[in-house]
Amino acid sequence: MKQLKHALKLIITPVIQKNWLVDFTFAIPRVLCGLWLTSMFGADKFGMPWTADSQNLNLFEVAVWFPEDVANYGGIFAMFPIFFAWMGAFSEAVGGLFLLLGLKTRVASFLIMCTMLVAVFMQKWDSGLWSMLPALGFLWVSVYNLMLGSGRFGLDYIISKQL
């Protein structure tokens, strides 16, 4: 139990900058990307409380069209399209929410990073750089949040103080 608590603390304890203004500056892209991921990108594919009624999605339900899109990537994605569609939609909707709140920031960032790498290389690659920009933006934000954590403006900071 003690080892689990120590591992959890290592995962969630953010890197704190010397100046709070630097932490605040790092928090702005994290909060905005989390908000956009969960409200715009994830909510279209995954049932969340704020998903539009026109999507006809129950809570944690994946949109009907999404597993078919995922299967078109081929390879392992074609073998398990429902699993990968659910994981991708979950990482955008729930991972985006966690990124917004600074909760389990490194775990959420890892899931978002994996999803955005798939989006860039499997979905957007042939469409050119311009169509890749949203996925690349989310990818870069998730990479630095994977390294730094939430900073002092996230729930991870508060939780790590309690541990």
Protein backbone atom coordinates (compact mmCIF):
# COMPACT_ATOMS: atom_id res chain seq x y z
CA MET A 1 0.00 0.00 0.00
CA LYS A 2 2.85 2.34 0.84
CA GLN A 3 4.52 1.64 -2.53
CA LEU A 4 1.24 2.34 -4.35
CA LYS A 5 0.86 5.66 -2.53
CA HIS A 6 4.48 6.55 -3.40
CA ALA A 7 3.93 5.67 -7.09
CA LEU A 8 0.71 7.69 -7.18
CA LYS A 9 2.48 10.67 -5.66
CA LEU A 10 5.25 10.46 -8.28
CA ILE A 11 2.70 10.38 -11.09
CA ILE A 12 0.56 13.27 -9.90
CA THR A 13 3.08 15.62 -8.27
CA PRO A 14 3.57 18.45 -10.77
CA VAL A 15 6.78 20.30 -11.50
CA ILE A 16 6.42 23.71 -9.89
CA GLN A 17 8.10 26.67 -11.53
CA LYS A 18 9.93 29.27 -9.41
CA ASN A 19 7.50 32.01 -10.40
CA TRP A 20 3.72 31.53 -10.21
CA LEU A 21 3.34 33.57 -13.42
CA VAL A 22 5.22 30.88 -15.36
CA ASP A 23 2.90 28.22 -13.92
CA PHE A 24 -0.07 30.37 -14.87
CA THR A 25 1.28 30.80 -18.41
CA PHE A 26 1.73 27.01 -18.74
CA ALA A 27 -1.80 26.47 -17.41
CA ILE A 28 -3.49 28.56 -20.09
CA PRO A 29 -2.89 26.14 -23.02
CA ARG A 30 -3.66 23.16 -20.73
CA VAL A 31 -7.01 24.62 -19.70
CA LEU A 32 -7.97 25.77 -23.20
CA CYS A 33 -6.97 22.50 -24.88
CA GLY A 34 -8.77 20.51 -22.21
CA LEU A 35 -11.90 22.59 -22.69
CA TRP A 36 -11.81 22.28 -26.48
CA LEU A 37 -11.04 18.57 -26.42
CA THR A 38 -13.83 17.68 -24.04
CA SER A 39 -16.48 20.07 -25.35
CA MET A 40 -15.89 20.13 -29.10
CA PHE A 41 -13.93 17.09 -30.22
CA GLY A 42 -14.74 14.47 -27.58
CA ALA A 43 -18.40 15.34 -27.07
CA ASP A 44 -19.14 14.72 -30.77
CA LYS A 45 -17.85 11.15 -30.48
CA PHE A 46 -18.55 10.21 -26.87
CA GLY A 47 -21.61 10.66 -24.67
CA MET A 48 -20.93 13.20 -21.95
CA PRO A 49 -23.41 15.33 -19.97
CA TRP A 50 -22.68 18.27 -22.33
CA THR A 51 -22.96 16.27 -25.56
CA ALA A 52 -25.56 17.82 -27.85
CA ASP A 53 -28.93 16.05 -27.84
CA SER A 54 -28.72 15.86 -31.63
CA GLN A 55 -25.87 13.32 -31.25
CA ASN A 56 -28.27 10.81 -29.61
CA LEU A 57 -25.53 9.49 -27.32
CA ASN A 58 -26.01 8.06 -23.85
CA LEU A 59 -23.37 8.63 -21.18
CA PHE A 60 -20.04 7.03 -22.23
CA GLU A 61 -21.50 5.78 -25.52
CA VAL A 62 -19.41 6.05 -28.69
CA ALA A 63 -20.97 7.54 -31.82
CA VAL A 64 -22.08 4.86 -34.29
CA TRP A 65 -19.91 6.20 -37.12
CA PHE A 66 -16.65 6.34 -35.13
CA PRO A 67 -15.71 2.61 -34.97
CA GLU A 68 -16.14 2.43 -38.74
CA ASP A 69 -13.73 5.33 -39.18
CA VAL A 70 -11.25 3.65 -36.85
CA ALA A 71 -11.54 0.32 -38.71
CA ASN A 72 -10.53 2.11 -41.93
CA TYR A 73 -7.07 2.73 -40.44
CA GLY A 74 -6.38 -0.98 -41.00
CA GLY A 75 -4.10 -3.30 -39.07
CA ILE A 76 -4.84 -3.70 -35.40
CA PHE A 77 -7.43 -0.90 -35.62
CA ALA A 78 -9.48 -3.02 -38.04
CA MET A 79 -9.24 -6.00 -35.67
CA PHE A 80 -10.56 -4.11 -32.62
CA PRO A 81 -12.36 -1.00 -33.94
CA ILE A 82 -14.85 -0.70 -31.08
CA PHE A 83 -12.11 -0.84 -28.43
CA PHE A 84 -9.91 1.73 -30.19
CA ALA A 85 -12.87 3.99 -30.98
CA TRP A 86 -13.94 3.90 -27.33
CA MET A 87 -10.39 4.59 -26.11
CA GLY A 88 -9.89 7.45 -28.57
CA ALA A 89 -13.23 9.06 -27.77
CA PHE A 90 -12.67 8.53 -24.02
CA SER A 91 -9.23 10.13 -24.16
CA GLU A 92 -10.63 13.19 -25.93
CA ALA A 93 -13.77 13.62 -23.81
CA VAL A 94 -12.68 12.46 -20.35
CA GLY A 95 -8.95 13.09 -20.85
CA GLY A 96 -9.79 16.60 -22.02
CA LEU A 97 -11.86 17.15 -18.89
CA PHE A 98 -8.99 15.89 -16.70
CA LEU A 99 -6.57 18.14 -18.58
CA LEU A 100 -8.88 21.11 -18.03
CA LEU A 101 -9.03 20.43 -14.28
CA GLY A 102 -5.38 19.44 -13.92
CA LEU A 103 -6.49 16.08 -12.52
CA LYS A 104 -4.32 13.02 -13.24
CA THR A 105 -2.68 15.31 -15.78
CA ARG A 106 0.15 12.99 -16.78
CA VAL A 107 -2.15 9.99 -17.32
CA ALA A 108 -4.62 12.10 -19.33
CA SER A 109 -1.76 13.63 -21.31
CA PHE A 110 -0.42 10.20 -22.20
CA LEU A 111 -3.84 9.05 -23.47
CA ILE A 112 -4.32 12.28 -25.43
CA MET A 113 -0.80 12.01 -26.86
CA CYS A 114 -1.48 8.46 -28.10
CA THR A 115 -4.81 9.52 -29.60
CA MET A 116 -3.31 12.54 -31.35
CA LEU A 117 -0.44 10.47 -32.78
CA VAL A 118 -3.01 8.11 -34.27
CA ALA A 119 -5.02 11.07 -35.57
CA VAL A 120 -1.95 12.63 -37.21
CA PHE A 121 -0.47 9.50 -38.78
CA MET A 122 -3.55 7.40 -39.51
CA GLN A 123 -6.24 9.97 -40.25
CA LYS A 124 -4.77 13.33 -41.27
CA TRP A 125 -1.40 12.46 -42.84
CA ASP A 126 -2.60 12.37 -46.46
CA SER A 127 -4.67 15.55 -46.04
CA GLY A 128 -1.68 17.84 -45.57
CA LEU A 129 -0.27 19.91 -42.75
CA TRP A 130 -3.19 22.32 -42.52
CA SER A 131 -5.65 19.56 -41.56
CA MET A 132 -3.15 18.15 -39.04
CA LEU A 133 -2.78 21.38 -37.07
CA PRO A 134 -5.50 20.77 -34.44
CA ALA A 135 -4.19 17.27 -33.67
CA LEU A 136 -0.59 18.54 -33.62
CA GLY A 137 -1.54 21.37 -31.25
CA PHE A 138 -3.18 18.96 -28.82
CA LEU A 139 -0.18 16.65 -29.20
CA TRP A 140 2.35 19.35 -28.24
CA VAL A 141 0.30 20.49 -25.25
CA SER A 142 -0.05 16.90 -24.06
CA VAL A 143 3.70 16.30 -24.41
CA TYR A 144 4.71 19.20 -22.16
CA ASN A 145 1.93 18.34 -19.68
CA LEU A 146 3.18 14.76 -19.61
CA MET A 147 6.55 16.10 -18.47
CA LEU A 148 5.47 18.95 -16.18
CA GLY A 149 2.10 17.83 -14.85
CA SER A 150 -0.54 20.40 -13.98
CA GLY A 151 1.70 22.96 -12.31
CA ARG A 152 0.31 24.79 -9.29
CA PHE A 153 -2.96 25.64 -11.07
CA GLY A 154 -4.48 22.18 -11.12
CA LEU A 155 -6.10 19.65 -8.82
CA ASP A 156 -2.99 17.45 -8.93
CA TYR A 157 -1.10 20.14 -7.03
CA ILE A 158 -3.72 20.17 -4.26
CA ILE A 159 -3.91 16.36 -4.10
CA SER A 160 -0.12 15.96 -4.02
CA LYS A 161 0.05 18.36 -1.06
CA GLN A 162 -2.36 16.07 0.83
CA LEU A 163 -0.30 12.94 0.10
